[in-house]
Amino acid sequence: MPKMKSVKGATKRFKVKKNGTIKRGKAFRSHILTKQDAQTRRDQNKPATVAKADAANIKAMIN
């Protein structure tokens, strides 16, 4: 039986932290940030993790 390939899009977007949670990026962070208020831009800088419901699915994609 051949090995399962990892989903390359998922490996570029997600990283597994040492405690096992999955780190993810945030949307609306690339350009035209002047339309967002300062609080939204500050919140975009905070680290984000994947929800528990999605974590098992993403771990399977990353392998």
PDB file of N, CA and C in Angstrom:
ATOM      1  N   MET A   1       0.854  -1.187   0.000  1.00  0.00           N
ATOM      2  CA  MET A   1       0.000   0.000   0.000  1.00  0.00           C
ATOM      3  C   MET A   1       0.894   1.242   0.000  1.00  0.00           C
ATOM      4  N   PRO A   2       0.693   2.183  -0.911  1.00  0.00           N
ATOM      5  CA  PRO A   2       1.535   3.384  -0.929  1.00  0.00           C
ATOM      6  C   PRO A   2       1.185   4.331   0.218  1.00  0.00           C
ATOM      7  N   LYS A   3       2.134   5.186   0.544  1.00  0.00           N
ATOM      8  CA  LYS A   3       1.906   6.171   1.598  1.00  0.00           C
ATOM      9  C   LYS A   3       0.924   7.227   1.120  1.00  0.00           C
ATOM     10  N   MET A   4       0.218   7.834   2.064  1.00  0.00           N
ATOM     11  CA  MET A   4      -0.697   8.920   1.731  1.00  0.00           C
ATOM     12  C   MET A   4       0.109  10.197   1.518  1.00  0.00           C
ATOM     13  N   LYS A   5      -0.218  10.939   0.493  1.00  0.00           N
ATOM     14  CA  LYS A   5       0.450  12.215   0.260  1.00  0.00           C
ATOM     15  C   LYS A   5      -0.212  13.290   1.100  1.00  0.00           C
ATOM     16  N   SER A   6       0.599  14.224   1.569  1.00  0.00           N
ATOM     17  CA  SER A   6       0.032  15.341   2.309  1.00  0.00           C
ATOM     18  C   SER A   6      -0.506  16.370   1.324  1.00  0.00           C
ATOM     19  N   VAL A   7      -1.503  17.118   1.759  1.00  0.00           N
ATOM     20  CA  VAL A   7      -2.086  18.177   0.932  1.00  0.00           C
ATOM     21  C   VAL A   7      -1.148  19.375   1.011  1.00  0.00           C
ATOM     22  N   LYS A   8      -0.507  19.717  -0.098  1.00  0.00           N
ATOM     23  CA  LYS A   8       0.535  20.742  -0.086  1.00  0.00           C
ATOM     24  C   LYS A   8      -0.005  22.113   0.306  1.00  0.00           C
ATOM     25  N   GLY A   9      -1.245  22.404  -0.069  1.00  0.00           N
ATOM     26  CA  GLY A   9      -1.843  23.679   0.333  1.00  0.00           C
ATOM     27  C   GLY A   9      -1.993  23.761   1.840  1.00  0.00           C
ATOM     28  N   ALA A  10      -2.302  22.631   2.486  1.00  0.00           N
ATOM     29  CA  ALA A  10      -2.468  22.607   3.936  1.00  0.00           C
ATOM     30  C   ALA A  10      -1.124  22.732   4.646  1.00  0.00           C
ATOM     31  N   THR A  11      -0.081  22.106   4.089  1.00  0.00           N
ATOM     32  CA  THR A  11       1.225  22.177   4.745  1.00  0.00           C
ATOM     33  C   THR A  11       1.789  23.588   4.698  1.00  0.00           C
ATOM     34  N   LYS A  12       1.408  24.364   3.681  1.00  0.00           N
ATOM     35  CA  LYS A  12       1.881  25.746   3.597  1.00  0.00           C
ATOM     36  C   LYS A  12       1.098  26.676   4.517  1.00  0.00           C
ATOM     37  N   ARG A  13      -0.131  26.312   4.857  1.00  0.00           N
ATOM     38  CA  ARG A  13      -0.992  27.197   5.628  1.00  0.00           C
ATOM     39  C   ARG A  13      -0.991  26.929   7.124  1.00  0.00           C
ATOM     40  N   PHE A  14      -0.692  25.701   7.542  1.00  0.00           N
ATOM     41  CA  PHE A  14      -0.817  25.320   8.952  1.00  0.00           C
ATOM     42  C   PHE A  14       0.496  24.797   9.489  1.00  0.00           C
ATOM     43  N   LYS A  15       0.761  25.072  10.787  1.00  0.00           N
ATOM     44  CA  LYS A  15       1.924  24.536  11.482  1.00  0.00           C
ATOM     45  C   LYS A  15       1.443  23.933  12.806  1.00  0.00           C
ATOM     46  N   VAL A  16       2.008  22.795  13.176  1.00  0.00           N
ATOM     47  CA  VAL A  16       1.656  22.157  14.443  1.00  0.00           C
ATOM     48  C   VAL A  16       2.598  22.670  15.521  1.00  0.00           C
ATOM     49  N   LYS A  17       2.027  23.206  16.603  1.00  0.00           N
ATOM     50  CA  LYS A  17       2.827  23.721  17.701  1.00  0.00           C
ATOM     51  C   LYS A  17       3.288  22.564  18.583  1.00  0.00           C
ATOM     52  N   LYS A  18       4.191  22.854  19.522  1.00  0.00           N
ATOM     53  CA  LYS A  18       4.734  21.809  20.387  1.00  0.00           C
ATOM     54  C   LYS A  18       3.672  21.154  21.255  1.00  0.00           C
ATOM     55  N   ASN A  19       2.653  21.932  21.646  1.00  0.00           N
ATOM     56  CA  ASN A  19       1.611  21.350  22.494  1.00  0.00           C
ATOM     57  C   ASN A  19       0.543  20.607  21.693  1.00  0.00           C
ATOM     58  N   GLY A  20       0.689  20.546  20.358  1.00  0.00           N
ATOM     59  CA  GLY A  20      -0.225  19.769  19.541  1.00  0.00           C
ATOM     60  C   GLY A  20      -1.315  20.579  18.867  1.00  0.00           C
ATOM     61  N   THR A  21      -1.509  21.839  19.293  1.00  0.00           N
ATOM     62  CA  THR A  21      -2.506  22.662  18.625  1.00  0.00           C
ATOM     63  C   THR A  21      -1.970  23.125  17.274  1.00  0.00           C
ATOM     64  N   ILE A  22      -2.854  23.515  16.399  1.00  0.00           N
ATOM     65  CA  ILE A  22      -2.464  23.891  15.043  1.00  0.00           C
ATOM     66  C   ILE A  22      -2.589  25.397  14.888  1.00  0.00           C
ATOM     67  N   LYS A  23      -1.504  26.012  14.444  1.00  0.00           N
ATOM     68  CA  LYS A  23      -1.463  27.453  14.226  1.00  0.00           C
ATOM     69  C   LYS A  23      -1.945  27.748  12.819  1.00  0.00           C
ATOM     70  N   ARG A  24      -2.703  28.840  12.665  1.00  0.00           N
ATOM     71  CA  ARG A  24      -3.236  29.201  11.354  1.00  0.00           C
ATOM     72  C   ARG A  24      -3.084  30.695  11.132  1.00  0.00           C
ATOM     73  N   GLY A  25      -3.188  31.109   9.876  1.00  0.00           N
ATOM     74  CA  GLY A  25      -3.153  32.520   9.537  1.00  0.00           C
ATOM     75  C   GLY A  25      -4.537  33.131   9.629  1.00  0.00           C
ATOM     76  N   LYS A  26      -4.598  34.447   9.452  1.00  0.00           N
ATOM     77  CA  LYS A  26      -5.879  35.137   9.497  1.00  0.00           C
ATOM     78  C   LYS A  26      -6.181  35.776   8.146  1.00  0.00           C
ATOM     79  N   ALA A  27      -7.459  35.920   7.866  1.00  0.00           N
ATOM     80  CA  ALA A  27      -7.892  36.510   6.605  1.00  0.00           C
ATOM     81  C   ALA A  27      -7.879  38.036   6.695  1.00  0.00           C
ATOM     82  N   PHE A  28      -7.977  38.694   5.551  1.00  0.00           N
ATOM     83  CA  PHE A  28      -8.068  40.153   5.433  1.00  0.00           C
ATOM     84  C   PHE A  28      -6.846  40.847   6.004  1.00  0.00           C
ATOM     85  N   ARG A  29      -5.663  40.315   5.717  1.00  0.00           N
ATOM     86  CA  ARG A  29      -4.440  40.829   6.325  1.00  0.00           C
ATOM     87  C   ARG A  29      -3.443  41.322   5.274  1.00  0.00           C
ATOM     88  N   SER A  30      -3.790  41.223   3.979  1.00  0.00           N
ATOM     89  CA  SER A  30      -2.780  41.429   2.948  1.00  0.00           C
ATOM     90  C   SER A  30      -2.619  42.878   2.508  1.00  0.00           C
ATOM     91  N   HIS A  31      -3.704  43.569   2.185  1.00  0.00           N
ATOM     92  CA  HIS A  31      -3.567  44.935   1.672  1.00  0.00           C
ATOM     93  C   HIS A  31      -4.860  45.713   1.924  1.00  0.00           C
ATOM     94  N   ILE A  32      -4.843  46.991   1.636  1.00  0.00           N
ATOM     95  CA  ILE A  32      -5.941  47.937   1.882  1.00  0.00           C
ATOM     96  C   ILE A  32      -6.386  47.857   3.351  1.00  0.00           C
ATOM     97  N   LEU A  33      -5.423  47.988   4.241  1.00  0.00           N
ATOM     98  CA  LEU A  33      -5.729  47.921   5.671  1.00  0.00           C
ATOM     99  C   LEU A  33      -6.219  49.260   6.200  1.00  0.00           C
ATOM    100  N   THR A  34      -6.176  50.310   5.385  1.00  0.00           N
ATOM    101  CA  THR A  34      -6.606  51.629   5.852  1.00  0.00           C
ATOM    102  C   THR A  34      -8.110  51.677   6.085  1.00  0.00           C
ATOM    103  N   LYS A  35      -8.859  50.800   5.442  1.00  0.00           N
ATOM    104  CA  LYS A  35     -10.311  50.777   5.640  1.00  0.00           C
ATOM    105  C   LYS A  35     -10.690  50.123   6.965  1.00  0.00           C
ATOM    106  N   GLN A  36      -9.804  49.346   7.521  1.00  0.00           N
ATOM    107  CA  GLN A  36     -10.100  48.693   8.801  1.00  0.00           C
ATOM    108  C   GLN A  36      -9.780  49.637   9.943  1.00  0.00           C
ATOM    109  N   ASP A  37     -10.553  49.515  11.033  1.00  0.00           N
ATOM    110  CA  ASP A  37     -10.221  50.344  12.183  1.00  0.00           C
ATOM    111  C   ASP A  37      -9.038  49.745  12.930  1.00  0.00           C
ATOM    112  N   ALA A  38      -8.460  50.533  13.822  1.00  0.00           N
ATOM    113  CA  ALA A  38      -7.208  50.165  14.477  1.00  0.00           C
ATOM    114  C   ALA A  38      -7.362  48.909  15.319  1.00  0.00           C
ATOM    115  N   GLN A  39      -8.508  48.742  15.960  1.00  0.00           N
ATOM    116  CA  GLN A  39      -8.711  47.568  16.801  1.00  0.00           C
ATOM    117  C   GLN A  39      -8.700  46.292  15.970  1.00  0.00           C
ATOM    118  N   THR A  40      -9.309  46.336  14.784  1.00  0.00           N
ATOM    119  CA  THR A  40      -9.321  45.163  13.906  1.00  0.00           C
ATOM    120  C   THR A  40      -7.908  44.819  13.466  1.00  0.00           C
ATOM    121  N   ARG A  41      -7.121  45.852  13.128  1.00  0.00           N
ATOM    122  CA  ARG A  41      -5.746  45.601  12.694  1.00  0.00           C
ATOM    123  C   ARG A  41      -4.900  45.042  13.837  1.00  0.00           C
ATOM    124  N   ARG A  42      -5.131  45.500  15.050  1.00  0.00           N
ATOM    125  CA  ARG A  42      -4.408  44.960  16.204  1.00  0.00           C
ATOM    126  C   ARG A  42      -4.789  43.507  16.435  1.00  0.00           C
ATOM    127  N   ASP A  43      -6.072  43.195  16.304  1.00  0.00           N
ATOM    128  CA  ASP A  43      -6.527  41.820  16.518  1.00  0.00           C
ATOM    129  C   ASP A  43      -5.965  40.876  15.470  1.00  0.00           C
ATOM    130  N   GLN A  44      -5.687  41.392  14.287  1.00  0.00           N
ATOM    131  CA  GLN A  44      -5.120  40.553  13.237  1.00  0.00           C
ATOM    132  C   GLN A  44      -3.709  40.082  13.585  1.00  0.00           C
ATOM    133  N   ASN A  45      -3.003  40.820  14.439  1.00  0.00           N
ATOM    134  CA  ASN A  45      -1.635  40.455  14.801  1.00  0.00           C
ATOM    135  C   ASN A  45      -1.570  39.339  15.834  1.00  0.00           C
ATOM    136  N   LYS A  46      -2.666  39.095  16.544  1.00  0.00           N
ATOM    137  CA  LYS A  46      -2.663  38.074  17.581  1.00  0.00           C
ATOM    138  C   LYS A  46      -2.616  36.682  16.958  1.00  0.00           C
ATOM    139  N   PRO A  47      -1.946  35.733  17.614  1.00  0.00           N
ATOM    140  CA  PRO A  47      -1.873  34.379  17.054  1.00  0.00           C
ATOM    141  C   PRO A  47      -3.239  33.695  17.075  1.00  0.00           C
ATOM    142  N   ALA A  48      -3.476  32.850  16.095  1.00  0.00           N
ATOM    143  CA  ALA A  48      -4.756  32.151  15.983  1.00  0.00           C
ATOM    144  C   ALA A  48      -4.515  30.653  15.854  1.00  0.00           C
ATOM    145  N   THR A  49      -5.397  29.879  16.455  1.00  0.00           N
ATOM    146  CA  THR A  49      -5.309  28.429  16.357  1.00  0.00           C
ATOM    147  C   THR A  49      -6.583  27.894  15.715  1.00  0.00           C
ATOM    148  N   VAL A  50      -6.499  26.684  15.223  1.00  0.00           N
ATOM    149  CA  VAL A  50      -7.625  26.031  14.563  1.00  0.00           C
ATOM    150  C   VAL A  50      -8.589  25.518  15.621  1.00  0.00           C
ATOM    151  N   ALA A  51      -9.874  25.530  15.313  1.00  0.00           N
ATOM    152  CA  ALA A  51     -10.891  25.015  16.223  1.00  0.00           C
ATOM    153  C   ALA A  51     -10.723  23.507  16.410  1.00  0.00           C
ATOM    154  N   LYS A  52     -11.157  23.012  17.562  1.00  0.00           N
ATOM    155  CA  LYS A  52     -11.023  21.586  17.865  1.00  0.00           C
ATOM    156  C   LYS A  52     -11.774  20.718  16.862  1.00  0.00           C
ATOM    157  N   ALA A  53     -12.900  21.239  16.362  1.00  0.00           N
ATOM    158  CA  ALA A  53     -13.703  20.463  15.407  1.00  0.00           C
ATOM    159  C   ALA A  53     -12.945  20.227  14.107  1.00  0.00           C
ATOM    160  N   ASP A  54     -12.071  21.172  13.714  1.00  0.00           N
ATOM    161  CA  ASP A  54     -11.349  21.051  12.455  1.00  0.00           C
ATOM    162  C   ASP A  54      -9.956  20.451  12.622  1.00  0.00           C
ATOM    163  N   ALA A  55      -9.470  20.325  13.841  1.00  0.00           N
ATOM    164  CA  ALA A  55      -8.079  19.957  14.074  1.00  0.00           C
ATOM    165  C   ALA A  55      -7.747  18.557  13.538  1.00  0.00           C
ATOM    166  N   ALA A  56      -8.611  17.593  13.768  1.00  0.00           N
ATOM    167  CA  ALA A  56      -8.331  16.224  13.318  1.00  0.00           C
ATOM    168  C   ALA A  56      -8.297  16.146  11.800  1.00  0.00           C
ATOM    169  N   ASN A  57      -9.177  16.899  11.143  1.00  0.00           N
ATOM    170  CA  ASN A  57      -9.223  16.928   9.687  1.00  0.00           C
ATOM    171  C   ASN A  57      -7.929  17.494   9.106  1.00  0.00           C
ATOM    172  N   ILE A  58      -7.438  18.563   9.711  1.00  0.00           N
ATOM    173  CA  ILE A  58      -6.242  19.227   9.207  1.00  0.00           C
ATOM    174  C   ILE A  58      -4.998  18.396   9.490  1.00  0.00           C
ATOM    175  N   LYS A  59      -4.946  17.738  10.647  1.00  0.00           N
ATOM    176  CA  LYS A  59      -3.816  16.867  10.955  1.00  0.00           C
ATOM    177  C   LYS A  59      -3.703  15.722   9.951  1.00  0.00           C
ATOM    178  N   ALA A  60      -4.845  15.233   9.491  1.00  0.00           N
ATOM    179  CA  ALA A  60      -4.843  14.172   8.488  1.00  0.00           C
ATOM    180  C   ALA A  60      -4.307  14.700   7.156  1.00  0.00           C
ATOM    181  N   MET A  61      -4.620  15.960   6.837  1.00  0.00           N
ATOM    182  CA  MET A  61      -4.116  16.537   5.586  1.00  0.00           C
ATOM    183  C   MET A  61      -2.622  16.805   5.648  1.00  0.00           C
ATOM    184  N   ILE A  62      -2.136  17.201   6.827  1.00  0.00           N
ATOM    185  CA  ILE A  62      -0.713  17.512   6.977  1.00  0.00           C
ATOM    186  C   ILE A  62       0.113  16.236   7.064  1.00  0.00           C
ATOM    187  N   ASN A  63      -0.434  15.204   7.674  1.00  0.00           N
ATOM    188  CA  ASN A  63       0.240  13.929   7.953  1.00  0.00           C
ATOM    189  C   ASN A  63       1.272  14.110   9.033  1.00  0.00           C
TER     190      ASN A  63
END
